[in-house]
Amino acid sequence: MGDEPKDPPTLLALAIRDAGVPKLYANGFTLGLTNADTHIVLQLFGRPVAVLSLSYTLAKTLSEKLEKLVTEWEAKTGQQLATTDTIDSAFSEFLNEGKQ
């Protein structure tokens, strides 16, 4: 006992523990594109904090993987996540009243 081999750390675990890998947090984003690439501008309270450029192939793969991750989270928790667009729409009347 205690001598069983441990599973090797995953790439995610290694990246999280590595002080040399930048850690970013975003609560917004803007998308852009060129004829060759896509761009995600990560934002924190409306201020740009990073630009991530991806090939279209990688952008599509990322989109599919994120969709799978969210679907799995929703299935396990029994809750449906709201999008920022849904929240903005729900609060738009309230927010517009405050501007008058």
N, C-alpha and C. Protein backbone atom coordinates (compact mmCIF):
# COMPACT_ATOMS: atom_id res chain seq x y z
N MET A 1 0.83 -1.18 0.00
CA MET A 1 0.00 0.00 0.00
C MET A 1 0.88 1.24 0.00
N GLY A 2 0.37 2.26 -0.68
CA GLY A 2 1.13 3.50 -0.76
C GLY A 2 2.18 3.48 -1.85
N ASP A 3 2.46 2.30 -2.42
CA ASP A 3 3.45 2.21 -3.47
C ASP A 3 2.84 2.16 -4.86
N GLU A 4 1.48 2.31 -4.93
CA GLU A 4 0.83 2.25 -6.23
C GLU A 4 1.29 3.45 -7.06
N PRO A 5 1.50 3.21 -8.36
CA PRO A 5 1.91 4.35 -9.20
C PRO A 5 0.78 5.37 -9.29
N LYS A 6 1.16 6.61 -9.27
CA LYS A 6 0.20 7.71 -9.39
C LYS A 6 -0.02 7.99 -10.87
N ASP A 7 -1.24 8.45 -11.20
CA ASP A 7 -1.49 8.86 -12.57
C ASP A 7 -0.61 10.06 -12.88
N PRO A 8 -0.05 10.11 -14.09
CA PRO A 8 0.77 11.27 -14.42
C PRO A 8 -0.10 12.53 -14.45
N PRO A 9 0.47 13.66 -14.04
CA PRO A 9 -0.33 14.90 -14.05
C PRO A 9 -0.79 15.23 -15.47
N THR A 10 -1.97 15.77 -15.56
CA THR A 10 -2.48 16.17 -16.86
C THR A 10 -1.83 17.48 -17.29
N LEU A 11 -1.94 17.78 -18.56
CA LEU A 11 -1.41 19.04 -19.07
C LEU A 11 -2.08 20.22 -18.37
N LEU A 12 -3.39 20.10 -18.11
CA LEU A 12 -4.11 21.16 -17.41
C LEU A 12 -3.53 21.36 -16.01
N ALA A 13 -3.33 20.28 -15.26
CA ALA A 13 -2.79 20.39 -13.90
C ALA A 13 -1.39 20.99 -13.92
N LEU A 14 -0.57 20.56 -14.87
CA LEU A 14 0.79 21.11 -14.97
C LEU A 14 0.75 22.60 -15.27
N ALA A 15 -0.11 23.01 -16.19
CA ALA A 15 -0.20 24.42 -16.57
C ALA A 15 -0.68 25.28 -15.40
N ILE A 16 -1.65 24.77 -14.64
CA ILE A 16 -2.17 25.54 -13.51
C ILE A 16 -1.10 25.72 -12.44
N ARG A 17 -0.29 24.70 -12.21
CA ARG A 17 0.75 24.79 -11.16
C ARG A 17 1.98 25.56 -11.60
N ASP A 18 2.21 25.69 -12.90
CA ASP A 18 3.43 26.32 -13.41
C ASP A 18 3.33 27.84 -13.31
N ALA A 19 4.17 28.43 -12.47
CA ALA A 19 4.16 29.88 -12.28
C ALA A 19 4.53 30.63 -13.56
N GLY A 20 5.21 29.96 -14.48
CA GLY A 20 5.63 30.60 -15.72
C GLY A 20 4.53 30.68 -16.78
N VAL A 21 3.41 30.00 -16.55
CA VAL A 21 2.30 30.04 -17.50
C VAL A 21 1.34 31.15 -17.07
N PRO A 22 1.11 32.15 -17.93
CA PRO A 22 0.21 33.25 -17.54
C PRO A 22 -1.19 32.74 -17.22
N LYS A 23 -1.78 33.30 -16.18
CA LYS A 23 -3.14 32.97 -15.79
C LYS A 23 -4.00 34.21 -16.05
N LEU A 24 -5.05 34.06 -16.81
CA LEU A 24 -5.92 35.18 -17.18
C LEU A 24 -7.33 34.90 -16.69
N TYR A 25 -8.05 35.96 -16.38
CA TYR A 25 -9.48 35.85 -16.07
C TYR A 25 -10.18 36.89 -16.93
N ALA A 26 -11.30 36.52 -17.50
CA ALA A 26 -12.07 37.45 -18.32
C ALA A 26 -13.54 37.33 -17.95
N ASN A 27 -14.25 38.46 -18.01
CA ASN A 27 -15.70 38.41 -17.83
C ASN A 27 -16.42 39.01 -19.03
N GLY A 28 -15.68 39.09 -20.14
CA GLY A 28 -16.24 39.53 -21.40
C GLY A 28 -15.29 39.22 -22.54
N PHE A 29 -15.79 39.35 -23.75
CA PHE A 29 -14.93 39.12 -24.91
C PHE A 29 -15.54 39.78 -26.14
N THR A 30 -14.69 39.98 -27.12
CA THR A 30 -15.10 40.46 -28.44
C THR A 30 -14.44 39.54 -29.46
N LEU A 31 -15.17 39.24 -30.54
CA LEU A 31 -14.64 38.37 -31.58
C LEU A 31 -14.31 39.17 -32.83
N GLY A 32 -13.29 38.73 -33.53
CA GLY A 32 -12.93 39.34 -34.80
C GLY A 32 -12.36 38.28 -35.72
N LEU A 33 -12.17 38.65 -36.97
CA LEU A 33 -11.63 37.69 -37.93
C LEU A 33 -10.90 38.39 -39.05
N THR A 34 -10.02 37.63 -39.66
CA THR A 34 -9.35 38.05 -40.90
C THR A 34 -9.60 36.92 -41.90
N ASN A 35 -9.00 37.02 -43.06
CA ASN A 35 -9.18 35.95 -44.04
C ASN A 35 -8.43 34.69 -43.66
N ALA A 36 -7.59 34.75 -42.64
CA ALA A 36 -6.79 33.59 -42.26
C ALA A 36 -7.00 33.12 -40.82
N ASP A 37 -7.46 34.02 -39.94
CA ASP A 37 -7.52 33.69 -38.52
C ASP A 37 -8.73 34.32 -37.85
N THR A 38 -9.00 33.83 -36.64
CA THR A 38 -10.01 34.44 -35.78
C THR A 38 -9.28 35.05 -34.58
N HIS A 39 -9.93 36.01 -33.95
CA HIS A 39 -9.32 36.69 -32.81
C HIS A 39 -10.36 36.82 -31.71
N ILE A 40 -9.93 36.53 -30.50
CA ILE A 40 -10.77 36.72 -29.32
C ILE A 40 -10.06 37.75 -28.45
N VAL A 41 -10.72 38.87 -28.22
CA VAL A 41 -10.18 39.88 -27.31
C VAL A 41 -10.84 39.63 -25.97
N LEU A 42 -10.07 39.16 -25.01
CA LEU A 42 -10.59 38.93 -23.67
C LEU A 42 -10.67 40.25 -22.93
N GLN A 43 -11.76 40.45 -22.19
CA GLN A 43 -11.97 41.71 -21.49
C GLN A 43 -12.22 41.46 -20.01
N LEU A 44 -11.85 42.44 -19.21
CA LEU A 44 -12.17 42.45 -17.79
C LEU A 44 -12.85 43.78 -17.53
N PHE A 45 -14.14 43.72 -17.23
CA PHE A 45 -14.98 44.91 -17.02
C PHE A 45 -14.86 45.88 -18.21
N GLY A 46 -14.90 45.31 -19.42
CA GLY A 46 -14.89 46.11 -20.64
C GLY A 46 -13.51 46.53 -21.13
N ARG A 47 -12.48 46.27 -20.36
CA ARG A 47 -11.12 46.65 -20.75
C ARG A 47 -10.40 45.44 -21.33
N PRO A 48 -9.78 45.59 -22.51
CA PRO A 48 -9.06 44.45 -23.10
C PRO A 48 -7.89 44.03 -22.21
N VAL A 49 -7.75 42.71 -22.01
CA VAL A 49 -6.63 42.21 -21.21
C VAL A 49 -5.75 41.23 -21.99
N ALA A 50 -6.26 40.68 -23.09
CA ALA A 50 -5.46 39.75 -23.89
C ALA A 50 -6.13 39.54 -25.24
N VAL A 51 -5.32 39.19 -26.22
CA VAL A 51 -5.82 38.83 -27.54
C VAL A 51 -5.36 37.41 -27.82
N LEU A 52 -6.30 36.55 -28.17
CA LEU A 52 -6.02 35.17 -28.54
C LEU A 52 -6.36 35.01 -30.01
N SER A 53 -5.37 34.68 -30.81
CA SER A 53 -5.58 34.46 -32.24
C SER A 53 -5.52 32.96 -32.52
N LEU A 54 -6.49 32.49 -33.31
CA LEU A 54 -6.60 31.06 -33.61
C LEU A 54 -6.86 30.86 -35.10
N SER A 55 -6.40 29.73 -35.62
CA SER A 55 -6.81 29.35 -36.97
C SER A 55 -8.29 29.02 -36.92
N TYR A 56 -8.95 29.04 -38.06
CA TYR A 56 -10.38 28.70 -38.10
C TYR A 56 -10.61 27.26 -37.65
N THR A 57 -9.71 26.35 -38.01
CA THR A 57 -9.85 24.96 -37.60
C THR A 57 -9.80 24.83 -36.08
N LEU A 58 -8.83 25.50 -35.46
CA LEU A 58 -8.73 25.43 -34.01
C LEU A 58 -9.90 26.14 -33.35
N ALA A 59 -10.37 27.25 -33.92
CA ALA A 59 -11.53 27.96 -33.36
C ALA A 59 -12.77 27.05 -33.37
N LYS A 60 -12.97 26.33 -34.46
CA LYS A 60 -14.13 25.43 -34.53
C LYS A 60 -13.98 24.29 -33.53
N THR A 61 -12.79 23.73 -33.42
CA THR A 61 -12.54 22.66 -32.46
C THR A 61 -12.77 23.16 -31.04
N LEU A 62 -12.27 24.33 -30.72
CA LEU A 62 -12.48 24.93 -29.40
C LEU A 62 -13.96 25.14 -29.12
N SER A 63 -14.68 25.63 -30.11
CA SER A 63 -16.12 25.84 -29.98
C SER A 63 -16.84 24.53 -29.63
N GLU A 64 -16.50 23.47 -30.33
CA GLU A 64 -17.13 22.18 -30.09
C GLU A 64 -16.77 21.63 -28.71
N LYS A 65 -15.52 21.77 -28.31
CA LYS A 65 -15.08 21.27 -26.99
C LYS A 65 -15.74 22.07 -25.87
N LEU A 66 -15.87 23.39 -26.03
CA LEU A 66 -16.53 24.21 -25.02
C LEU A 66 -18.01 23.85 -24.91
N GLU A 67 -18.65 23.62 -26.05
CA GLU A 67 -20.06 23.21 -26.05
C GLU A 67 -20.23 21.90 -25.29
N LYS A 68 -19.34 20.95 -25.51
CA LYS A 68 -19.39 19.67 -24.82
C LYS A 68 -19.18 19.86 -23.32
N LEU A 69 -18.22 20.70 -22.94
CA LEU A 69 -17.94 20.96 -21.53
C LEU A 69 -19.15 21.57 -20.83
N VAL A 70 -19.78 22.57 -21.45
CA VAL A 70 -20.95 23.23 -20.86
C VAL A 70 -22.12 22.26 -20.77
N THR A 71 -22.34 21.49 -21.81
CA THR A 71 -23.43 20.50 -21.81
C THR A 71 -23.23 19.48 -20.69
N GLU A 72 -22.00 19.04 -20.51
CA GLU A 72 -21.70 18.08 -19.44
C GLU A 72 -21.93 18.72 -18.07
N TRP A 73 -21.51 19.96 -17.88
CA TRP A 73 -21.72 20.66 -16.61
C TRP A 73 -23.21 20.78 -16.31
N GLU A 74 -23.99 21.18 -17.34
CA GLU A 74 -25.43 21.34 -17.15
C GLU A 74 -26.10 20.00 -16.82
N ALA A 75 -25.67 18.93 -17.46
CA ALA A 75 -26.24 17.61 -17.20
C ALA A 75 -25.92 17.15 -15.78
N LYS A 76 -24.70 17.37 -15.34
CA LYS A 76 -24.30 16.92 -14.00
C LYS A 76 -24.94 17.75 -12.90
N THR A 77 -25.17 19.03 -13.14
CA THR A 77 -25.73 19.89 -12.10
C THR A 77 -27.25 20.00 -12.17
N GLY A 78 -27.82 19.64 -13.31
CA GLY A 78 -29.26 19.80 -13.50
C GLY A 78 -29.67 21.25 -13.65
N GLN A 79 -28.72 22.11 -13.93
CA GLN A 79 -28.98 23.54 -14.11
C GLN A 79 -28.56 23.97 -15.50
N GLN A 80 -29.28 24.94 -16.06
CA GLN A 80 -28.90 25.47 -17.35
C GLN A 80 -28.23 26.82 -17.13
N LEU A 81 -27.04 26.96 -17.70
CA LEU A 81 -26.31 28.21 -17.59
C LEU A 81 -26.93 29.27 -18.48
N ALA A 82 -26.98 30.49 -17.99
CA ALA A 82 -27.43 31.62 -18.80
C ALA A 82 -26.23 32.18 -19.54
N THR A 83 -26.46 32.75 -20.71
CA THR A 83 -25.40 33.44 -21.43
C THR A 83 -25.45 34.92 -21.06
N THR A 84 -24.37 35.63 -21.33
CA THR A 84 -24.39 37.07 -21.06
C THR A 84 -25.43 37.77 -21.93
N ASP A 85 -25.68 37.27 -23.14
CA ASP A 85 -26.72 37.85 -24.00
C ASP A 85 -28.10 37.71 -23.35
N THR A 86 -28.37 36.53 -22.78
CA THR A 86 -29.65 36.29 -22.11
C THR A 86 -29.81 37.21 -20.90
N ILE A 87 -28.75 37.34 -20.13
CA ILE A 87 -28.79 38.21 -18.95
C ILE A 87 -28.96 39.66 -19.36
N ASP A 88 -28.23 40.10 -20.37
CA ASP A 88 -28.37 41.48 -20.86
C ASP A 88 -29.80 41.76 -21.30
N SER A 89 -30.39 40.81 -22.02
CA SER A 89 -31.77 40.97 -22.49
C SER A 89 -32.73 41.06 -21.31
N ALA A 90 -32.53 40.20 -20.31
CA ALA A 90 -33.42 40.18 -19.15
C ALA A 90 -33.35 41.49 -18.37
N PHE A 91 -32.18 42.10 -18.33
CA PHE A 91 -32.00 43.33 -17.55
C PHE A 91 -32.08 44.60 -18.39
N SER A 92 -32.29 44.48 -19.70
CA SER A 92 -32.24 45.66 -20.57
C SER A 92 -33.28 46.69 -20.19
N GLU A 93 -34.50 46.27 -19.86
CA GLU A 93 -35.54 47.22 -19.48
C GLU A 93 -35.13 47.95 -18.20
N PHE A 94 -34.65 47.21 -17.23
CA PHE A 94 -34.20 47.79 -15.95
C PHE A 94 -33.05 48.76 -16.18
N LEU A 95 -32.07 48.37 -17.00
CA LEU A 95 -30.92 49.21 -17.25
C LEU A 95 -31.30 50.47 -18.02
N ASN A 96 -32.24 50.34 -18.97
CA ASN A 96 -32.68 51.50 -19.74
C ASN A 96 -33.45 52.50 -18.87
N GLU A 97 -34.20 52.01 -17.88
CA GLU A 97 -34.91 52.90 -16.96
C GLU A 97 -33.92 53.74 -16.15
N GLY A 98 -32.80 53.17 -15.79
CA GLY A 98 -31.81 53.89 -15.00
C GLY A 98 -31.09 54.97 -15.77
N LYS A 99 -31.15 54.93 -17.10
CA LYS A 99 -30.47 55.93 -17.94
C LYS A 99 -31.31 57.17 -18.18
N GLN A 100 -32.58 57.11 -17.78
CA GLN A 100 -33.48 58.25 -18.04
C GLN A 100 -33.36 59.29 -16.96
